Protein backbone atom coordinates (compact mmCIF):
# COMPACT_ATOMS: atom_id res chain seq x y z
CA MET A 1 -7.12 31.33 -4.31
CA SER A 2 -6.91 28.14 -6.38
CA GLU A 3 -4.47 25.23 -5.68
CA ARG A 4 -2.68 23.87 -8.67
CA ALA A 5 -2.13 20.04 -8.59
CA GLU A 6 1.33 18.87 -9.23
CA GLU A 7 3.57 15.79 -8.27
CA ASP A 8 5.98 15.83 -5.49
CA TYR A 9 9.47 14.48 -5.78
CA HIS A 10 8.28 10.79 -5.64
CA GLY A 11 5.82 11.40 -8.38
CA ASN A 12 2.94 11.45 -5.85
CA PRO A 13 0.12 13.87 -6.40
CA GLY A 14 0.22 16.89 -4.14
CA ARG A 15 -1.19 20.28 -4.03
CA VAL A 16 0.90 23.63 -4.18
CA GLY A 17 0.41 25.28 -0.98
CA GLY A 18 -0.93 22.52 0.99
CA THR A 19 -4.51 21.40 1.89
CA GLY A 20 -4.41 22.41 5.57
CA SER A 21 -2.20 23.92 8.36
CA PRO A 22 1.49 23.54 7.92
CA ALA A 23 1.70 20.84 10.56
CA GLU A 24 -0.96 18.77 8.72
CA ASP A 25 1.03 19.31 5.54
CA ILE A 26 4.20 18.05 7.06
CA GLU A 27 2.40 15.21 8.65
CA GLU A 28 0.84 14.35 5.17
CA GLU A 29 4.28 14.54 3.50
CA ARG A 30 5.68 12.29 5.97
CA ALA A 31 3.04 9.75 5.46
CA ARG A 32 3.59 9.86 1.56
CA ASN A 33 7.31 9.58 2.05
CA ARG A 34 7.07 6.60 4.34
CA LEU A 35 4.67 4.77 1.81
CA TRP A 36 7.17 5.57 -0.97
CA ASP A 37 9.98 4.15 1.13
CA LEU A 38 8.17 1.06 1.81
CA LYS A 39 7.31 0.47 -1.89
CA GLU A 40 10.87 0.97 -2.63
CA GLU A 41 11.97 -1.53 -0.04
CA ALA A 42 9.24 -4.11 -1.12
CA LYS A 43 10.54 -3.78 -4.81
CA TRP A 44 14.23 -3.83 -4.16
CA GLY A 45 14.72 -5.29 -0.63
CA LYS A 46 17.77 -7.42 0.13
CA ASP A 47 15.68 -10.52 0.63
CA THR A 48 12.28 -11.75 0.63
CA MET A 49 11.73 -11.43 4.36
CA THR A 50 12.61 -7.69 3.96
CA GLN A 51 10.31 -7.26 0.99
CA LYS A 52 7.48 -9.08 2.92
CA LYS A 53 7.77 -6.83 5.94
CA ALA A 54 7.57 -3.85 3.92
CA ILE A 55 4.50 -5.02 1.95
CA GLU A 56 2.87 -5.85 5.33
CA GLU A 57 3.56 -2.46 6.58
CA LEU A 58 2.51 -0.82 3.43
CA SER A 59 -0.82 -2.87 3.65
CA LYS A 60 -1.60 -1.27 7.05
CA SER A 61 -2.35 2.15 5.35
CA GLY A 62 -5.34 0.26 3.68
CA VAL A 63 -7.00 1.28 0.07
CA PRO A 64 -4.32 4.07 -0.29
CA ALA A 65 -1.63 1.37 -0.63
CA ILE A 66 -3.29 -0.33 -3.42
CA SER A 67 -1.65 1.83 -6.01
CA TYR A 68 1.80 1.31 -4.42
CA LEU A 69 1.30 -2.35 -4.26
CA GLU A 70 0.33 -2.55 -7.99
CA GLU A 71 3.54 -0.75 -8.62
CA ILE A 72 5.51 -3.42 -6.81
CA LEU A 73 3.36 -6.05 -8.90
CA ALA A 74 4.60 -4.37 -12.01
CA VAL A 75 8.25 -4.90 -11.41
CA VAL A 76 8.76 -7.87 -9.22
CA PRO A 77 9.21 -11.27 -11.00
CA PRO A 78 6.86 -14.09 -10.62
CA GLY A 79 7.21 -15.89 -7.40
CA GLU A 80 6.64 -15.65 -3.63
CA ILE A 81 6.76 -11.79 -3.33
CA LYS A 82 4.34 -11.42 -6.29
CA GLN A 83 1.87 -13.65 -4.74
CA TYR A 84 2.24 -12.31 -1.36
CA CYS A 85 1.40 -8.85 -2.93
CA GLN A 86 -1.61 -9.92 -4.83
CA ASP A 87 -3.01 -11.74 -1.74
CA ILE A 88 -2.65 -8.38 0.30
CA ILE A 89 -4.36 -6.48 -2.52
CA ILE A 90 -7.22 -9.07 -2.35
CA GLY A 91 -7.36 -8.70 1.32
CA ILE A 92 -7.63 -4.81 1.32
CA SER A 93 -10.12 -4.72 -1.58
CA ARG A 94 -12.54 -7.09 -0.03
CA PRO A 95 -14.68 -6.06 2.84
CA LEU A 96 -14.12 -7.72 6.22
CA PRO A 97 -16.66 -10.83 6.84
CA ASP A 98 -18.75 -10.40 9.90
CA GLU A 99 -18.80 -12.98 12.40
CA SER A 100 -21.68 -14.75 10.81
CA GLU A 101 -19.49 -15.56 7.84
CA GLY A 102 -16.59 -16.92 9.88
CA GLY A 103 -14.61 -13.72 10.91
CA ALA A 104 -10.95 -13.61 10.45
CA GLU A 105 -10.73 -17.29 9.52
CA ALA A 106 -13.02 -16.85 6.57
CA LEU A 107 -11.00 -13.90 5.30
CA GLU A 108 -7.70 -15.80 5.63
CA ALA A 109 -9.29 -18.75 3.49
CA LYS A 110 -10.58 -16.33 0.77
CA VAL A 111 -7.22 -14.69 0.55
CA ARG A 112 -5.40 -17.86 0.24
CA THR A 113 -8.01 -19.48 -2.44
CA PRO A 114 -8.23 -17.66 -5.73
CA ASP A 115 -11.67 -17.17 -6.96
């Protein structure tokens, strides 16, 4: 039985019939909904702190968050939130340096300094 790709009500790619057990499908749907909610909060949050918290939480999902972060970049005006979002994308995209390269301090410096 083939599965036909379609989009869920948030516009996220999904699969008809799911990809695993009903419990796994529910968990995947919850995760997608959570990412979508965080993206919307980051775009339209009531204040900068709310937006930053949403972006930070979104970033915890790693590479899957990049498309959501790029969508946020497309709609927020230039300023603190746009820069914060760009810094997060850079941090996700770059591999973590090992201890010989300075560890977390080196990563923080790289995120703050544009190439």
